[in-house]
Amino acid sequence: MPFIELGTEFADAQEAEIVPEAKYDLVCGTIEHTNEGGKNNIRVLVNHINPVNGIANPATIFHYLPLPVGDDSPEKAQTKCLFTKRFLYHFGIPFVIAGEQVGFDTDNITGAKMMGCPVVSEEYEKRWQNKLNLPDMPQNVEAPTGRSKPRRRS
């Protein structure tokens, strides 16, 4: 097989680093609808807004918004909706909870921010990764109606 030229991208390729467990300012990047293995999700790539002390290349956080599927039990569908609603609430993404249409517009996810978001580390398939650790929402939460200031968590 002949030599394959890959250029400076290959020479400069580095593994992303897992950040220490702490609170970080985060922004939602690209999203993708995934439907694999009977799971219906929206995958959100979440990135650090500010440089992380001592870490030149902080790892992107892959966060999944679970969506109900037809054969989910009512309890499972409600749990999936809670996890998605919690994410939308904390990132200030508008959603509708009354009227003819109940849900959210995925176009509002990219660019949404959360300031002071708790991030934890966990091992998944023998590799360490960072994960969002979103706090519970207040009871009877009102839906955000538009892109407001990023939420700051204390």
Protein backbone atom coordinates (compact mmCIF):
# COMPACT_ATOMS: atom_id res chain seq x y z
CA MET A 1 0.00 0.00 0.00
CA PRO A 2 1.41 3.44 -0.87
CA PHE A 3 2.17 6.20 1.63
CA ILE A 4 -0.88 8.27 2.59
CA GLU A 5 -0.24 12.00 3.09
CA LEU A 6 -2.40 13.47 5.86
CA GLY A 7 -0.79 16.86 6.42
CA THR A 8 -0.61 19.06 9.49
CA GLU A 9 -4.03 17.98 10.77
CA PHE A 10 -2.58 14.52 11.37
CA ALA A 11 0.59 15.90 12.94
CA ASP A 12 -1.40 18.19 15.24
CA ALA A 13 -4.10 15.67 16.26
CA GLN A 14 -4.38 15.42 20.06
CA GLU A 15 -6.75 13.58 22.37
CA ALA A 16 -9.27 15.86 24.05
CA GLU A 17 -8.85 16.11 27.82
CA ILE A 18 -11.44 15.29 30.47
CA VAL A 19 -11.99 18.31 32.72
CA PRO A 20 -12.07 18.03 36.53
CA GLU A 21 -15.51 17.82 38.15
CA ALA A 22 -16.65 21.40 38.66
CA LYS A 23 -19.06 24.01 37.29
CA TYR A 24 -18.37 25.37 33.80
CA ASP A 25 -19.87 27.84 31.34
CA LEU A 26 -21.16 25.76 28.42
CA VAL A 27 -22.72 26.31 24.99
CA CYS A 28 -24.67 23.90 22.81
CA GLY A 29 -23.03 23.19 19.47
CA THR A 30 -24.26 20.95 16.71
CA ILE A 31 -27.20 18.62 17.18
CA GLU A 32 -28.18 15.41 15.44
CA HIS A 33 -31.29 13.26 15.60
CA THR A 34 -30.28 9.65 16.28
CA ASN A 35 -32.50 6.61 16.04
CA GLU A 36 -30.36 3.59 16.85
CA GLY A 37 -31.13 0.37 18.67
CA GLY A 38 -34.71 1.33 19.39
CA LYS A 39 -33.63 4.62 21.00
CA ASN A 40 -34.89 7.94 19.71
CA ASN A 41 -32.58 10.78 20.81
CA ILE A 42 -31.28 14.20 19.96
CA ARG A 43 -27.51 14.23 20.44
CA VAL A 44 -26.23 17.64 21.52
CA LEU A 45 -22.51 18.42 21.41
CA VAL A 46 -21.86 20.72 24.37
CA ASN A 47 -18.67 22.81 24.43
CA HIS A 48 -16.84 24.94 26.97
CA ILE A 49 -17.24 28.69 26.45
CA ASN A 50 -14.17 29.80 28.38
CA PRO A 51 -10.73 28.21 28.51
CA VAL A 52 -10.41 25.64 31.27
CA ASN A 53 -7.41 26.23 33.55
CA GLY A 54 -4.48 24.08 32.43
CA ILE A 55 -6.47 22.23 29.76
CA ALA A 56 -5.78 23.28 26.20
CA ASN A 57 -8.26 20.92 24.56
CA PRO A 58 -11.27 20.20 26.85
CA ALA A 59 -13.40 17.30 25.67
CA THR A 60 -16.74 17.97 24.05
CA ILE A 61 -19.63 16.65 26.14
CA PHE A 62 -22.05 14.41 24.27
CA HIS A 63 -25.50 14.90 25.81
CA TYR A 64 -28.55 12.97 24.69
CA LEU A 65 -32.12 14.23 24.89
CA PRO A 66 -34.29 11.10 25.03
CA LEU A 67 -37.54 11.22 23.08
CA PRO A 68 -40.45 8.86 23.70
CA VAL A 69 -41.11 6.02 21.26
CA GLY A 70 -44.39 4.24 20.59
CA ASP A 71 -43.78 1.21 22.80
CA ASP A 72 -42.61 3.16 25.87
CA SER A 73 -44.69 2.71 29.00
CA PRO A 74 -46.35 5.93 30.24
CA GLU A 75 -43.81 6.07 33.10
CA LYS A 76 -40.83 5.66 30.75
CA ALA A 77 -42.18 8.28 28.32
CA GLN A 78 -42.70 10.72 31.21
CA THR A 79 -39.15 10.14 32.50
CA LYS A 80 -37.70 10.78 29.04
CA CYS A 81 -39.74 13.98 28.77
CA LEU A 82 -38.55 15.09 32.21
CA PHE A 83 -34.88 14.65 31.26
CA THR A 84 -35.41 16.62 28.04
CA LYS A 85 -37.43 19.36 29.77
CA ARG A 86 -34.75 19.70 32.48
CA PHE A 87 -32.08 20.27 29.81
CA LEU A 88 -34.24 22.81 27.95
CA TYR A 89 -35.03 24.67 31.17
CA HIS A 90 -31.43 24.96 32.36
CA PHE A 91 -30.13 26.05 28.95
CA GLY A 92 -32.95 28.61 28.57
CA ILE A 93 -34.34 26.94 25.44
CA PRO A 94 -37.99 27.86 24.78
CA PHE A 95 -40.60 25.12 25.01
CA VAL A 96 -44.38 24.97 24.97
CA ILE A 97 -46.30 23.20 27.74
CA ALA A 98 -49.89 24.18 26.89
CA GLY A 99 -52.06 24.48 23.80
CA GLU A 100 -52.36 22.40 20.66
CA GLN A 101 -48.64 21.76 20.27
CA VAL A 102 -46.55 20.75 23.28
CA GLY A 103 -42.79 20.48 22.75
CA PHE A 104 -39.85 22.51 21.50
CA ASP A 105 -38.09 23.64 18.33
CA THR A 106 -34.69 21.98 17.85
CA ASP A 107 -33.50 25.08 15.97
CA ASN A 108 -33.29 26.83 19.36
CA ILE A 109 -30.74 24.39 20.82
CA THR A 110 -27.56 25.41 18.96
CA GLY A 111 -26.03 28.43 20.69
CA ALA A 112 -27.99 28.01 23.94
CA LYS A 113 -25.82 28.53 27.03
CA MET A 114 -25.72 27.56 30.67
CA MET A 115 -23.35 29.35 33.01
CA GLY A 116 -22.02 27.36 35.97
CA CYS A 117 -23.25 23.98 34.76
CA PRO A 118 -22.17 21.06 36.98
CA VAL A 119 -19.96 18.63 35.06
CA VAL A 120 -18.93 15.21 36.37
CA SER A 121 -16.67 12.45 35.06
CA GLU A 122 -17.63 8.84 34.44
CA GLU A 123 -16.21 5.77 32.74
CA TYR A 124 -18.10 4.53 29.69
CA GLU A 125 -16.93 1.56 27.63
CA LYS A 126 -13.48 1.71 29.29
CA ARG A 127 -12.96 5.40 28.47
CA TRP A 128 -13.45 8.40 30.71
CA GLN A 129 -15.83 11.14 29.65
CA ASN A 130 -17.45 14.25 31.06
CA LYS A 131 -21.18 14.38 31.59
CA LEU A 132 -23.68 17.09 32.51
CA ASN A 133 -25.12 16.79 36.02
CA LEU A 134 -28.17 19.03 35.68
CA PRO A 135 -29.97 19.96 38.90
CA ASP A 136 -33.68 19.36 39.32
CA MET A 137 -36.06 22.05 38.07
CA PRO A 138 -38.31 24.00 40.43
CA GLN A 139 -41.83 22.58 40.82
CA ASN A 140 -44.42 23.88 38.32
CA VAL A 141 -41.74 25.50 36.18
CA GLU A 142 -42.81 28.04 33.60
CA ALA A 143 -41.54 27.51 30.08
CA PRO A 144 -38.88 29.92 28.79
CA THR A 145 -40.50 31.91 25.99
CA GLY A 146 -37.45 33.15 24.13
CA ARG A 147 -33.69 33.25 24.18
CA SER A 148 -32.94 35.04 27.40
CA LYS A 149 -29.73 35.49 29.30
CA PRO A 150 -27.88 32.24 29.92
CA ARG A 151 -28.82 30.66 33.23
CA ARG A 152 -26.25 30.99 36.02
CA ARG A 153 -26.17 28.24 38.62
CA SER A 154 -24.70 28.88 42.06
